[in-house]
Amino acid sequence: MTPNPAPAPVPAANPAPAPDIRALMTGFPTGVTVVTAFATDGTPWGMTCTSLCSVALDPPTVLVCLRRASPTLEAVLESRALAVNLLHAQSRPAAELFASAAKDRFERIAWHPGDHACGPHLEGSAHTVADCQVADVHTVGDHTVVMGRVLAVTRLRPQTPLLYGMRRYGSWADNADETLLSYDFIS
């Protein structure tokens, strides 16, 4: 005997407003990245992003969620490439700079285009950079989910990552500098 599936919910005549999920997400600390790309004219673009997720190991794929009105997203879509700069614990100023509306971001921070880089590498602020080719794109509400096939990973320095949660930046409380993991893979 197979169980009957649950009935589909019936929409309310006057649906409740969508919940504000910011309170939920502030309780979910995450690493901080700056997603960068070059526009087709060579102009560098970048924005702070905490929405990064591993999708697959084979082929190596990550996803980032970028604000639809962002010029960085426009550059990513034009070039079909992006770099994901994982920020180290001392890089709060870079995170704040790339979260701001400052037009001169790339004049105020150390970066380089890298050999065959898919976007600017923030050499002083990142501990690791992934160069990615756009594999798929999905628009969801006010953001666009970009899946990037990882072409190269460059480890710049062994540093603890910058974290963001509870509406503030931080890092691990223990002395992580003495216990850096060697990137063991756990399934």
N, C-alpha and C. Protein backbone atom coordinates (compact mmCIF):
# COMPACT_ATOMS: atom_id res chain seq x y z
N MET A 1 0.84 -1.17 0.00
CA MET A 1 0.00 0.00 0.00
C MET A 1 0.89 1.24 0.00
N THR A 2 0.69 2.13 -0.95
CA THR A 2 1.50 3.35 -1.01
C THR A 2 0.76 4.49 -0.33
N PRO A 3 1.50 5.31 0.41
CA PRO A 3 0.84 6.42 1.10
C PRO A 3 0.38 7.46 0.09
N ASN A 4 -0.71 8.11 0.43
CA ASN A 4 -1.21 9.20 -0.42
C ASN A 4 -0.31 10.41 -0.25
N PRO A 5 0.02 11.08 -1.37
CA PRO A 5 0.86 12.28 -1.22
C PRO A 5 0.08 13.37 -0.50
N ALA A 6 0.82 14.22 0.17
CA ALA A 6 0.19 15.33 0.88
C ALA A 6 -0.43 16.27 -0.14
N PRO A 7 -1.60 16.82 0.18
CA PRO A 7 -2.24 17.73 -0.77
C PRO A 7 -1.40 19.01 -0.91
N ALA A 8 -1.46 19.59 -2.09
CA ALA A 8 -0.75 20.85 -2.33
C ALA A 8 -1.40 21.94 -1.50
N PRO A 9 -0.59 22.87 -0.95
CA PRO A 9 -1.18 23.95 -0.16
C PRO A 9 -2.08 24.82 -1.04
N VAL A 10 -3.17 25.28 -0.44
CA VAL A 10 -4.10 26.15 -1.14
C VAL A 10 -3.68 27.59 -0.88
N PRO A 11 -3.47 28.38 -1.96
CA PRO A 11 -3.06 29.77 -1.74
C PRO A 11 -4.16 30.54 -1.02
N ALA A 12 -3.76 31.40 -0.11
CA ALA A 12 -4.69 32.23 0.64
C ALA A 12 -5.24 33.33 -0.27
N ALA A 13 -6.45 33.79 0.04
CA ALA A 13 -7.05 34.86 -0.76
C ALA A 13 -6.19 36.11 -0.69
N ASN A 14 -5.69 36.43 0.48
CA ASN A 14 -4.80 37.57 0.68
C ASN A 14 -3.49 37.03 1.24
N PRO A 15 -2.56 36.63 0.36
CA PRO A 15 -1.33 36.02 0.88
C PRO A 15 -0.55 36.99 1.76
N ALA A 16 0.10 36.41 2.75
CA ALA A 16 0.93 37.21 3.65
C ALA A 16 2.14 37.73 2.88
N PRO A 17 2.67 38.86 3.29
CA PRO A 17 3.87 39.36 2.61
C PRO A 17 5.03 38.39 2.80
N ALA A 18 5.92 38.37 1.83
CA ALA A 18 7.08 37.49 1.91
C ALA A 18 7.89 37.82 3.16
N PRO A 19 8.39 36.81 3.86
CA PRO A 19 9.18 37.09 5.06
C PRO A 19 10.52 37.72 4.70
N ASP A 20 11.03 38.55 5.58
CA ASP A 20 12.36 39.14 5.43
C ASP A 20 13.35 38.12 5.97
N ILE A 21 14.16 37.54 5.10
CA ILE A 21 15.06 36.46 5.52
C ILE A 21 16.39 36.97 6.06
N ARG A 22 16.58 38.28 6.15
CA ARG A 22 17.85 38.78 6.66
C ARG A 22 18.13 38.31 8.08
N ALA A 23 17.11 38.24 8.92
CA ALA A 23 17.31 37.76 10.30
C ALA A 23 17.78 36.31 10.30
N LEU A 24 17.26 35.52 9.38
CA LEU A 24 17.69 34.13 9.26
C LEU A 24 19.15 34.05 8.83
N MET A 25 19.50 34.80 7.80
CA MET A 25 20.83 34.68 7.21
C MET A 25 21.92 35.31 8.07
N THR A 26 21.60 36.30 8.93
CA THR A 26 22.65 36.85 9.79
C THR A 26 23.15 35.81 10.78
N GLY A 27 22.34 34.82 11.10
CA GLY A 27 22.74 33.75 12.01
C GLY A 27 23.49 32.63 11.31
N PHE A 28 23.85 32.84 10.05
CA PHE A 28 24.58 31.83 9.28
C PHE A 28 25.89 32.43 8.81
N PRO A 29 26.93 32.43 9.69
CA PRO A 29 28.21 33.03 9.30
C PRO A 29 28.79 32.34 8.07
N THR A 30 29.46 33.11 7.28
CA THR A 30 30.01 32.60 6.03
C THR A 30 31.32 33.30 5.71
N GLY A 31 32.07 32.74 4.80
CA GLY A 31 33.27 33.38 4.32
C GLY A 31 32.94 34.58 3.45
N VAL A 32 33.92 35.45 3.25
CA VAL A 32 33.72 36.66 2.46
C VAL A 32 34.59 36.59 1.21
N THR A 33 33.98 36.87 0.08
CA THR A 33 34.70 36.89 -1.18
C THR A 33 34.50 38.23 -1.87
N VAL A 34 35.38 38.51 -2.80
CA VAL A 34 35.13 39.58 -3.76
C VAL A 34 35.15 38.91 -5.13
N VAL A 35 34.01 38.99 -5.81
CA VAL A 35 33.90 38.45 -7.16
C VAL A 35 34.33 39.54 -8.12
N THR A 36 35.25 39.21 -9.03
CA THR A 36 35.77 40.19 -9.97
C THR A 36 35.63 39.68 -11.40
N ALA A 37 35.62 40.63 -12.32
CA ALA A 37 35.55 40.29 -13.75
C ALA A 37 36.08 41.47 -14.54
N PHE A 38 36.44 41.19 -15.78
CA PHE A 38 36.83 42.25 -16.71
C PHE A 38 35.70 42.45 -17.71
N ALA A 39 35.27 43.71 -17.89
CA ALA A 39 34.31 44.00 -18.95
C ALA A 39 35.00 43.77 -20.29
N THR A 40 34.25 43.72 -21.34
CA THR A 40 34.84 43.45 -22.66
C THR A 40 35.83 44.54 -23.07
N ASP A 41 35.70 45.75 -22.51
CA ASP A 41 36.66 46.81 -22.82
C ASP A 41 37.89 46.77 -21.91
N GLY A 42 37.98 45.76 -21.03
CA GLY A 42 39.12 45.61 -20.14
C GLY A 42 38.96 46.26 -18.77
N THR A 43 37.86 46.96 -18.54
CA THR A 43 37.62 47.61 -17.25
C THR A 43 37.41 46.56 -16.17
N PRO A 44 38.13 46.68 -15.03
CA PRO A 44 37.92 45.73 -13.93
C PRO A 44 36.67 46.09 -13.11
N TRP A 45 35.91 45.09 -12.73
CA TRP A 45 34.75 45.27 -11.87
C TRP A 45 34.83 44.26 -10.73
N GLY A 46 34.21 44.60 -9.60
CA GLY A 46 34.20 43.68 -8.48
C GLY A 46 33.19 44.06 -7.43
N MET A 47 32.73 43.07 -6.69
CA MET A 47 31.78 43.31 -5.60
C MET A 47 31.97 42.27 -4.50
N THR A 48 31.73 42.70 -3.26
CA THR A 48 31.78 41.79 -2.12
C THR A 48 30.60 40.83 -2.22
N CYS A 49 30.88 39.58 -1.90
CA CYS A 49 29.86 38.55 -2.03
C CYS A 49 30.05 37.52 -0.92
N THR A 50 28.98 37.20 -0.21
CA THR A 50 29.04 36.14 0.79
C THR A 50 28.25 34.92 0.33
N SER A 51 27.68 35.00 -0.85
CA SER A 51 26.92 33.87 -1.39
C SER A 51 27.79 33.06 -2.34
N LEU A 52 28.57 32.17 -1.78
CA LEU A 52 29.45 31.28 -2.53
C LEU A 52 29.17 29.86 -2.06
N CYS A 53 29.08 28.95 -3.01
CA CYS A 53 28.78 27.57 -2.65
C CYS A 53 29.47 26.64 -3.62
N SER A 54 30.00 25.55 -3.11
CA SER A 54 30.53 24.49 -3.95
C SER A 54 29.35 23.72 -4.54
N VAL A 55 29.39 23.45 -5.84
CA VAL A 55 28.31 22.73 -6.51
C VAL A 55 28.74 21.30 -6.84
N ALA A 56 29.93 21.14 -7.43
CA ALA A 56 30.38 19.81 -7.84
C ALA A 56 31.90 19.77 -7.87
N LEU A 57 32.44 18.58 -7.64
CA LEU A 57 33.88 18.37 -7.75
C LEU A 57 34.28 17.98 -9.17
N ASP A 58 33.36 17.34 -9.92
CA ASP A 58 33.67 16.89 -11.27
C ASP A 58 32.48 17.15 -12.18
N PRO A 59 32.50 18.18 -13.03
CA PRO A 59 33.60 19.13 -13.15
C PRO A 59 33.58 20.11 -11.97
N PRO A 60 34.73 20.64 -11.58
CA PRO A 60 34.77 21.54 -10.43
C PRO A 60 33.94 22.79 -10.72
N THR A 61 32.90 22.98 -9.91
CA THR A 61 31.94 24.06 -10.15
C THR A 61 31.56 24.72 -8.83
N VAL A 62 31.50 26.04 -8.85
CA VAL A 62 31.02 26.82 -7.71
C VAL A 62 29.89 27.70 -8.20
N LEU A 63 29.12 28.23 -7.25
CA LEU A 63 28.11 29.22 -7.63
C LEU A 63 28.25 30.44 -6.75
N VAL A 64 27.92 31.58 -7.33
CA VAL A 64 27.86 32.85 -6.61
C VAL A 64 26.52 33.49 -6.96
N CYS A 65 25.99 34.27 -6.04
CA CYS A 65 24.75 34.99 -6.28
C CYS A 65 25.08 36.48 -6.29
N LEU A 66 24.79 37.13 -7.42
CA LEU A 66 25.13 38.54 -7.61
C LEU A 66 23.87 39.37 -7.84
N ARG A 67 23.85 40.56 -7.28
CA ARG A 67 22.73 41.48 -7.43
C ARG A 67 22.51 41.79 -8.91
N ARG A 68 21.25 41.70 -9.36
CA ARG A 68 20.95 41.86 -10.78
C ARG A 68 21.34 43.22 -11.34
N ALA A 69 21.30 44.27 -10.56
CA ALA A 69 21.63 45.61 -11.06
C ALA A 69 23.12 45.90 -11.02
N SER A 70 23.95 44.92 -10.68
CA SER A 70 25.38 45.15 -10.48
C SER A 70 26.14 45.24 -11.80
N PRO A 71 27.02 46.25 -11.94
CA PRO A 71 27.89 46.28 -13.11
C PRO A 71 28.89 45.11 -13.11
N THR A 72 29.17 44.56 -11.95
CA THR A 72 30.04 43.36 -11.89
C THR A 72 29.34 42.20 -12.58
N LEU A 73 28.06 42.00 -12.30
CA LEU A 73 27.31 40.94 -12.96
C LEU A 73 27.32 41.17 -14.47
N GLU A 74 27.12 42.40 -14.89
CA GLU A 74 27.14 42.71 -16.32
C GLU A 74 28.48 42.30 -16.94
N ALA A 75 29.58 42.60 -16.26
CA ALA A 75 30.91 42.23 -16.77
C ALA A 75 31.08 40.71 -16.80
N VAL A 76 30.57 40.02 -15.77
CA VAL A 76 30.65 38.56 -15.73
C VAL A 76 29.90 37.96 -16.91
N LEU A 77 28.70 38.47 -17.17
CA LEU A 77 27.88 37.94 -18.26
C LEU A 77 28.48 38.26 -19.62
N GLU A 78 29.05 39.46 -19.77
CA GLU A 78 29.69 39.84 -21.04
C GLU A 78 30.92 38.98 -21.33
N SER A 79 31.78 38.84 -20.32
CA SER A 79 33.05 38.14 -20.52
C SER A 79 32.93 36.63 -20.39
N ARG A 80 31.81 36.17 -19.76
CA ARG A 80 31.58 34.75 -19.48
C ARG A 80 32.68 34.18 -18.58
N ALA A 81 33.23 35.05 -17.71
CA ALA A 81 34.32 34.63 -16.81
C ALA A 81 34.26 35.45 -15.53
N LEU A 82 34.83 34.90 -14.44
CA LEU A 82 34.90 35.60 -13.17
C LEU A 82 36.01 35.01 -12.33
N ALA A 83 36.48 35.81 -11.39
CA ALA A 83 37.44 35.33 -10.39
C ALA A 83 36.77 35.47 -9.03
N VAL A 84 36.93 34.45 -8.20
CA VAL A 84 36.41 34.47 -6.84
C VAL A 84 37.61 34.61 -5.92
N ASN A 85 37.73 35.78 -5.27
CA ASN A 85 38.83 36.09 -4.36
C ASN A 85 38.36 35.81 -2.94
N LEU A 86 38.90 34.77 -2.30
CA LEU A 86 38.56 34.46 -0.90
C LEU A 86 39.41 35.36 -0.01
N LEU A 87 38.75 36.21 0.77
CA LEU A 87 39.48 37.19 1.57
C LEU A 87 40.03 36.59 2.86
N HIS A 88 41.22 37.07 3.25
CA HIS A 88 41.81 36.62 4.51
C HIS A 88 41.34 37.52 5.65
N ALA A 89 41.60 37.08 6.88
CA ALA A 89 41.03 37.71 8.07
C ALA A 89 41.38 39.18 8.24
N GLN A 90 42.46 39.66 7.65
CA GLN A 90 42.83 41.07 7.78
C GLN A 90 42.28 41.93 6.62
N SER A 91 41.35 41.41 5.85
CA SER A 91 40.89 42.10 4.65
C SER A 91 39.53 42.77 4.78
N ARG A 92 39.14 43.08 5.98
CA ARG A 92 37.87 43.80 6.16
C ARG A 92 37.83 45.08 5.34
N PRO A 93 38.91 45.88 5.28
CA PRO A 93 38.84 47.10 4.45
C PRO A 93 38.52 46.80 2.98
N ALA A 94 39.05 45.71 2.44
CA ALA A 94 38.74 45.35 1.05
C ALA A 94 37.27 44.95 0.92
N ALA A 95 36.75 44.18 1.88
CA ALA A 95 35.35 43.78 1.85
C ALA A 95 34.44 45.00 1.88
N GLU A 96 34.76 45.96 2.73
CA GLU A 96 33.95 47.17 2.83
C GLU A 96 34.07 48.03 1.58
N LEU A 97 35.27 48.11 1.01
CA LEU A 97 35.47 48.89 -0.21
C LEU A 97 34.63 48.33 -1.35
N PHE A 98 34.65 47.01 -1.54
CA PHE A 98 33.92 46.41 -2.65
C PHE A 98 32.42 46.26 -2.37
N ALA A 99 32.00 46.54 -1.13
CA ALA A 99 30.58 46.60 -0.80
C ALA A 99 30.05 48.02 -0.93
N SER A 100 30.94 48.98 -1.12
CA SER A 100 30.55 50.39 -1.22
C SER A 100 30.24 50.75 -2.66
N ALA A 101 29.83 51.99 -2.85
CA ALA A 101 29.57 52.51 -4.20
C ALA A 101 30.79 53.22 -4.78
N ALA A 102 31.96 53.05 -4.16
CA ALA A 102 33.17 53.74 -4.63
C ALA A 102 33.48 53.37 -6.07
N LYS A 103 33.65 54.36 -6.90
CA LYS A 103 33.96 54.13 -8.32
C LYS A 103 35.44 53.80 -8.53
N ASP A 104 36.30 54.20 -7.58
CA ASP A 104 37.75 54.03 -7.74
C ASP A 104 38.29 52.83 -6.97
N ARG A 105 37.51 51.79 -6.82
CA ARG A 105 37.90 50.62 -6.03
C ARG A 105 39.26 50.07 -6.44
N PHE A 106 39.45 49.89 -7.73
CA PHE A 106 40.67 49.26 -8.21
C PHE A 106 41.87 50.19 -8.18
N GLU A 107 41.65 51.47 -7.93
CA GLU A 107 42.75 52.42 -7.74
C GLU A 107 43.18 52.45 -6.28
N ARG A 108 42.36 51.90 -5.39
CA ARG A 108 42.61 51.97 -3.95
C ARG A 108 43.06 50.64 -3.35
N ILE A 109 43.33 49.65 -4.20
CA ILE A 109 43.68 48.33 -3.68
C ILE A 109 44.68 47.65 -4.62
N ALA A 110 45.53 46.81 -4.04
CA ALA A 110 46.51 46.07 -4.86
C ALA A 110 45.81 44.92 -5.59
N TRP A 111 46.03 44.85 -6.90
CA TRP A 111 45.47 43.77 -7.70
C TRP A 111 46.33 43.56 -8.93
N HIS A 112 46.15 42.42 -9.56
CA HIS A 112 46.83 42.19 -10.83
C HIS A 112 45.95 41.32 -11.71
N PRO A 113 46.14 41.43 -13.02
CA PRO A 113 45.29 40.66 -13.93
C PRO A 113 45.64 39.18 -13.97
N GLY A 114 46.83 38.82 -13.56
CA GLY A 114 47.22 37.41 -13.55
C GLY A 114 47.38 36.86 -14.96
N ASP A 115 48.13 35.80 -15.08
CA ASP A 115 48.26 35.11 -16.36
C ASP A 115 47.00 34.28 -16.60
N HIS A 116 46.31 34.61 -17.65
CA HIS A 116 45.08 33.90 -18.02
C HIS A 116 44.02 34.00 -16.93
N ALA A 117 44.03 35.07 -16.14
CA ALA A 117 43.04 35.25 -15.08
C ALA A 117 41.68 35.57 -15.68
N CYS A 118 40.65 35.13 -15.02
CA CYS A 118 39.28 35.39 -15.46
C CYS A 118 38.71 36.67 -14.86
N GLY A 119 39.46 37.26 -13.95
CA GLY A 119 39.09 38.52 -13.30
C GLY A 119 40.27 38.96 -12.48
N PRO A 120 40.25 40.21 -12.02
CA PRO A 120 41.36 40.70 -11.20
C PRO A 120 41.58 39.84 -9.95
N HIS A 121 42.86 39.59 -9.65
CA HIS A 121 43.24 38.90 -8.42
C HIS A 121 43.62 39.96 -7.40
N LEU A 122 42.97 39.96 -6.24
CA LEU A 122 43.26 40.92 -5.18
C LEU A 122 44.41 40.39 -4.34
N GLU A 123 45.61 40.62 -4.84
CA GLU A 123 46.81 39.97 -4.30
C GLU A 123 47.09 40.25 -2.83
N GLY A 124 46.76 41.42 -2.32
CA GLY A 124 47.02 41.72 -0.92
C GLY A 124 45.89 41.33 0.01
N SER A 125 44.71 41.08 -0.53
CA SER A 125 43.52 40.85 0.29
C SER A 125 43.02 39.41 0.27
N ALA A 126 43.36 38.67 -0.76
CA ALA A 126 42.85 37.31 -0.89
C ALA A 126 43.88 36.30 -0.41
N HIS A 127 43.39 35.18 0.12
CA HIS A 127 44.30 34.08 0.45
C HIS A 127 44.28 33.03 -0.66
N THR A 128 43.17 32.95 -1.40
CA THR A 128 43.03 32.00 -2.50
C THR A 128 42.13 32.62 -3.55
N VAL A 129 42.42 32.34 -4.83
CA VAL A 129 41.60 32.86 -5.93
C VAL A 129 41.23 31.70 -6.85
N ALA A 130 39.96 31.65 -7.25
CA ALA A 130 39.50 30.68 -8.23
C ALA A 130 39.12 31.42 -9.50
N ASP A 131 39.71 31.03 -10.62
CA ASP A 131 39.34 31.58 -11.92
C ASP A 131 38.32 30.64 -12.53
N CYS A 132 37.20 31.22 -12.97
CA CYS A 132 36.06 30.41 -13.41
C CYS A 132 35.51 30.88 -14.75
N GLN A 133 35.01 29.93 -15.50
CA GLN A 133 34.29 30.19 -16.74
C GLN A 133 32.81 30.02 -16.42
N VAL A 134 31.97 30.93 -16.90
CA VAL A 134 30.53 30.84 -16.63
C VAL A 134 29.98 29.58 -17.30
N ALA A 135 29.34 28.73 -16.51
CA ALA A 135 28.77 27.49 -17.01
C ALA A 135 27.26 27.56 -17.14
N ASP A 136 26.62 28.34 -16.26
CA ASP A 136 25.16 28.43 -16.27
C ASP A 136 24.75 29.67 -15.49
N VAL A 137 23.57 30.19 -15.80
CA VAL A 137 23.07 31.40 -15.15
C VAL A 137 21.57 31.23 -14.93
N HIS A 138 21.10 31.61 -13.73
CA HIS A 138 19.67 31.57 -13.41
C HIS A 138 19.31 32.84 -12.67
N THR A 139 18.26 33.51 -13.09
CA THR A 139 17.78 34.68 -12.38
C THR A 139 16.75 34.23 -11.35
N VAL A 140 16.95 34.68 -10.11
CA VAL A 140 16.04 34.38 -9.02
C VAL A 140 15.77 35.68 -8.29
N GLY A 141 14.59 36.23 -8.45
CA GLY A 141 14.24 37.48 -7.78
C GLY A 141 15.18 38.60 -8.16
N ASP A 142 15.75 39.25 -7.15
CA ASP A 142 16.63 40.40 -7.39
C ASP A 142 18.09 40.01 -7.56
N HIS A 143 18.39 38.72 -7.65
CA HIS A 143 19.76 38.24 -7.82
C HIS A 143 19.87 37.28 -9.01
N THR A 144 21.08 37.09 -9.46
CA THR A 144 21.36 36.12 -10.51
C THR A 144 22.35 35.11 -9.96
N VAL A 145 22.02 33.85 -10.10
CA VAL A 145 22.89 32.76 -9.68
C VAL A 145 23.80 32.43 -10.86
N VAL A 146 25.10 32.56 -10.64
CA VAL A 146 26.08 32.27 -11.68
C VAL A 146 26.86 31.04 -11.25
N MET A 147 26.82 30.02 -12.09
CA MET A 147 27.62 28.83 -11.83
C MET A 147 28.89 28.94 -12.65
N GLY A 148 30.02 28.79 -11.97
CA GLY A 148 31.30 28.92 -12.63
C GLY A 148 32.09 27.63 -12.59
N ARG A 149 32.53 27.19 -13.75
CA ARG A 149 33.41 26.03 -13.80
C ARG A 149 34.81 26.51 -13.47
N VAL A 150 35.39 25.93 -12.44
CA VAL A 150 36.70 26.37 -11.95
C VAL A 150 37.78 25.87 -12.91
N LEU A 151 38.54 26.82 -13.46
CA LEU A 151 39.62 26.50 -14.38
C LEU A 151 40.96 26.43 -13.67
N ALA A 152 41.13 27.26 -12.63
CA ALA A 152 42.40 27.30 -11.89
C ALA A 152 42.14 27.80 -10.48
N VAL A 153 42.93 27.30 -9.54
CA VAL A 153 42.90 27.77 -8.15
C VAL A 153 44.32 28.20 -7.80
N THR A 154 44.44 29.44 -7.32
CA THR A 154 45.74 29.98 -6.94
C THR A 154 45.73 30.27 -5.45
N ARG A 155 46.59 29.59 -4.72
CA ARG A 155 46.71 29.84 -3.28
C ARG A 155 47.81 30.88 -3.09
N LEU A 156 47.43 32.03 -2.56
CA LEU A 156 48.36 33.14 -2.43
C LEU A 156 49.12 33.12 -1.11
N ARG A 157 48.48 32.65 -0.05
CA ARG A 157 49.12 32.64 1.27
C ARG A 157 48.29 31.76 2.21
N PRO A 158 48.94 31.17 3.19
CA PRO A 158 48.18 30.41 4.19
C PRO A 158 47.65 31.36 5.26
N GLN A 159 46.43 31.74 5.16
CA GLN A 159 45.82 32.68 6.10
C GLN A 159 44.44 32.19 6.50
N THR A 160 43.98 32.61 7.65
CA THR A 160 42.62 32.30 8.05
C THR A 160 41.66 33.19 7.26
N PRO A 161 40.46 32.70 6.99
CA PRO A 161 39.52 33.47 6.18
C PRO A 161 38.80 34.55 6.97
N LEU A 162 38.37 35.57 6.25
CA LEU A 162 37.48 36.59 6.81
C LEU A 162 36.08 36.00 6.82
N LEU A 163 35.37 36.17 7.93
CA LEU A 163 34.01 35.66 8.07
C LEU A 163 33.04 36.82 8.23
N TYR A 164 31.77 36.57 7.90
CA TYR A 164 30.73 37.57 8.10
C TYR A 164 29.49 36.88 8.65
N GLY A 165 28.95 37.42 9.72
CA GLY A 165 27.73 36.91 10.34
C GLY A 165 27.31 37.85 11.43
N MET A 166 26.05 37.79 11.81
CA MET A 166 25.50 38.68 12.85
C MET A 166 25.77 40.15 12.51
N ARG A 167 25.81 40.43 11.20
CA ARG A 167 26.03 41.78 10.65
C ARG A 167 27.38 42.38 11.03
N ARG A 168 28.39 41.50 11.14
CA ARG A 168 29.73 42.00 11.42
C ARG A 168 30.78 41.03 10.87
N TYR A 169 31.99 41.56 10.71
CA TYR A 169 33.11 40.76 10.23
C TYR A 169 33.84 40.15 11.41
N GLY A 170 34.49 39.04 11.19
CA GLY A 170 35.26 38.40 12.24
C GLY A 170 36.11 37.29 11.66
N SER A 171 36.69 36.50 12.57
CA SER A 171 37.47 35.32 12.18
C SER A 171 37.35 34.32 13.31
N TRP A 172 37.95 33.15 13.14
CA TRP A 172 37.89 32.16 14.19
C TRP A 172 38.48 32.70 15.49
N ALA A 173 37.85 32.35 16.61
CA ALA A 173 38.30 32.84 17.91
C ALA A 173 39.55 32.13 18.39
N ASP A 174 39.72 30.85 18.04
CA ASP A 174 40.92 30.16 18.49
C ASP A 174 42.11 30.62 17.65
N ASN A 175 43.28 30.20 18.02
CA ASN A 175 44.48 30.61 17.31
C ASN A 175 44.62 29.77 16.04
N ALA A 176 43.82 30.08 15.05
CA ALA A 176 43.78 29.30 13.81
C ALA A 176 45.09 29.40 13.03
N ASP A 177 45.86 30.46 13.24
CA ASP A 177 47.13 30.60 12.52
C ASP A 177 48.06 29.44 12.82
N GLU A 178 47.97 28.87 14.03
CA GLU A 178 48.85 27.76 14.40
C GLU A 178 48.27 26.41 13.99
N THR A 179 46.98 26.41 13.61
CA THR A 179 46.33 25.15 13.29
C THR A 179 45.70 25.17 11.91
N LEU A 180 46.33 25.86 10.97
CA LEU A 180 45.78 25.92 9.61
C LEU A 180 45.61 24.52 9.06
N LEU A 181 44.45 24.29 8.50
CA LEU A 181 44.19 22.99 7.89
C LEU A 181 44.94 22.88 6.58
N SER A 182 45.25 21.69 6.19
CA SER A 182 45.99 21.50 4.94
C SER A 182 45.02 21.16 3.82
N TYR A 183 43.81 21.69 3.88
CA TYR A 183 42.79 21.47 2.87
C TYR A 183 42.49 19.99 2.68
N ASP A 184 42.30 19.28 3.80
CA ASP A 184 41.86 17.90 3.74
C ASP A 184 40.45 17.90 3.19
N PHE A 185 40.11 16.95 2.36
CA PHE A 185 38.78 16.88 1.79
C PHE A 185 37.97 15.86 2.54
N ILE A 186 36.82 16.27 3.00
CA ILE A 186 35.92 15.42 3.77
C ILE A 186 34.66 15.25 2.95
N SER A 187 34.23 14.03 2.77
CA SER A 187 32.99 13.78 2.01
C SER A 187 31.86 13.48 2.95
